[in-house]
Amino acid sequence: MPTYMKNLRDLREDHDLTQTQIAEILGTSQTMYARYERSANELPLRHFIVLCKYYGVSADKVLGLTKKTDHSSP
């Protein structure tokens, strides 16, 4: 599974949402959304953008492009 789909699944689960609820937000079926989550189908860019806005996160964060900052060092 690509990192971004794992991150989107984790966001969905962290928000206690079902695949059906997310599918409704995207205007698709639960079956199709499940296929996106398991990478059987590629998530359309328009859906990716909607999910980033919905969760209030940057595309870079979902894609795993942000660098982790160690705040413990001076």
Protein backbone atom coordinates (compact mmCIF):
# COMPACT_ATOMS: atom_id res chain seq x y z
CA MET A 1 0.00 0.00 0.00
CA PRO A 2 1.40 3.42 -0.90
CA THR A 3 2.28 5.59 2.10
CA TYR A 4 -0.31 8.22 1.23
CA MET A 5 -3.15 5.69 1.29
CA LYS A 6 -1.99 4.35 4.66
CA ASN A 7 -1.90 7.94 5.93
CA LEU A 8 -5.41 8.60 4.61
CA ARG A 9 -6.70 5.39 6.20
CA ASP A 10 -5.04 6.36 9.48
CA LEU A 11 -6.66 9.81 9.31
CA ARG A 12 -10.06 8.25 8.68
CA GLU A 13 -9.65 5.88 11.61
CA ASP A 14 -8.27 8.63 13.88
CA HIS A 15 -11.44 10.63 13.15
CA ASP A 16 -13.61 7.55 13.89
CA LEU A 17 -15.09 7.62 10.39
CA THR A 18 -16.24 4.69 8.30
CA GLN A 19 -15.42 4.07 4.68
CA THR A 20 -19.09 4.73 3.93
CA GLN A 21 -18.92 8.18 5.52
CA ILE A 22 -15.83 9.13 3.53
CA ALA A 23 -17.35 7.71 0.35
CA GLU A 24 -20.36 10.00 0.87
CA ILE A 25 -18.08 13.02 1.24
CA LEU A 26 -16.36 12.07 -2.03
CA GLY A 27 -19.60 11.25 -3.83
CA THR A 28 -18.59 7.66 -4.50
CA SER A 29 -19.54 4.24 -3.19
CA GLN A 30 -18.10 2.53 -0.13
CA THR A 31 -16.93 -0.28 -2.41
CA MET A 32 -14.95 2.13 -4.58
CA TYR A 33 -13.45 3.89 -1.57
CA ALA A 34 -12.41 0.52 -0.12
CA ARG A 35 -10.69 -0.19 -3.44
CA TYR A 36 -8.78 3.10 -3.09
CA GLU A 37 -7.68 2.24 0.44
CA ARG A 38 -6.28 -1.11 -0.58
CA SER A 39 -4.74 0.38 -3.75
CA ALA A 40 -6.82 -1.75 -6.11
CA ASN A 41 -7.78 1.54 -7.82
CA GLU A 42 -5.84 4.78 -7.88
CA LEU A 43 -7.37 7.58 -5.84
CA PRO A 44 -8.31 10.45 -8.19
CA LEU A 45 -6.50 13.72 -7.51
CA ARG A 46 -9.81 15.54 -6.97
CA HIS A 47 -10.64 13.10 -4.15
CA PHE A 48 -7.17 13.47 -2.67
CA ILE A 49 -7.62 17.25 -2.53
CA VAL A 50 -11.07 16.95 -0.94
CA LEU A 51 -9.69 14.63 1.75
CA CYS A 52 -6.74 16.90 2.54
CA LYS A 53 -9.14 19.84 2.97
CA TYR A 54 -11.61 17.75 4.97
CA TYR A 55 -8.95 16.58 7.43
CA GLY A 56 -7.20 19.97 7.48
CA VAL A 57 -3.81 18.57 6.53
CA SER A 58 -1.35 19.46 3.81
CA ALA A 59 -0.85 17.24 0.80
CA ASP A 60 2.85 17.08 1.73
CA LYS A 61 1.97 15.59 5.12
CA VAL A 62 -0.34 12.97 3.60
CA LEU A 63 2.23 12.12 0.94
CA GLY A 64 4.95 11.77 3.59
CA LEU A 65 7.05 14.59 2.14
CA THR A 66 7.37 16.66 5.30
CA LYS A 67 10.50 16.28 7.34
CA LYS A 68 10.10 15.30 10.96
CA THR A 69 11.49 17.92 13.29
CA ASP A 70 13.29 16.97 16.45
CA HIS A 71 12.25 19.66 18.92
CA SER A 72 14.41 18.22 21.70
CA SER A 73 17.71 19.43 20.26
CA PRO A 74 18.88 23.04 20.84
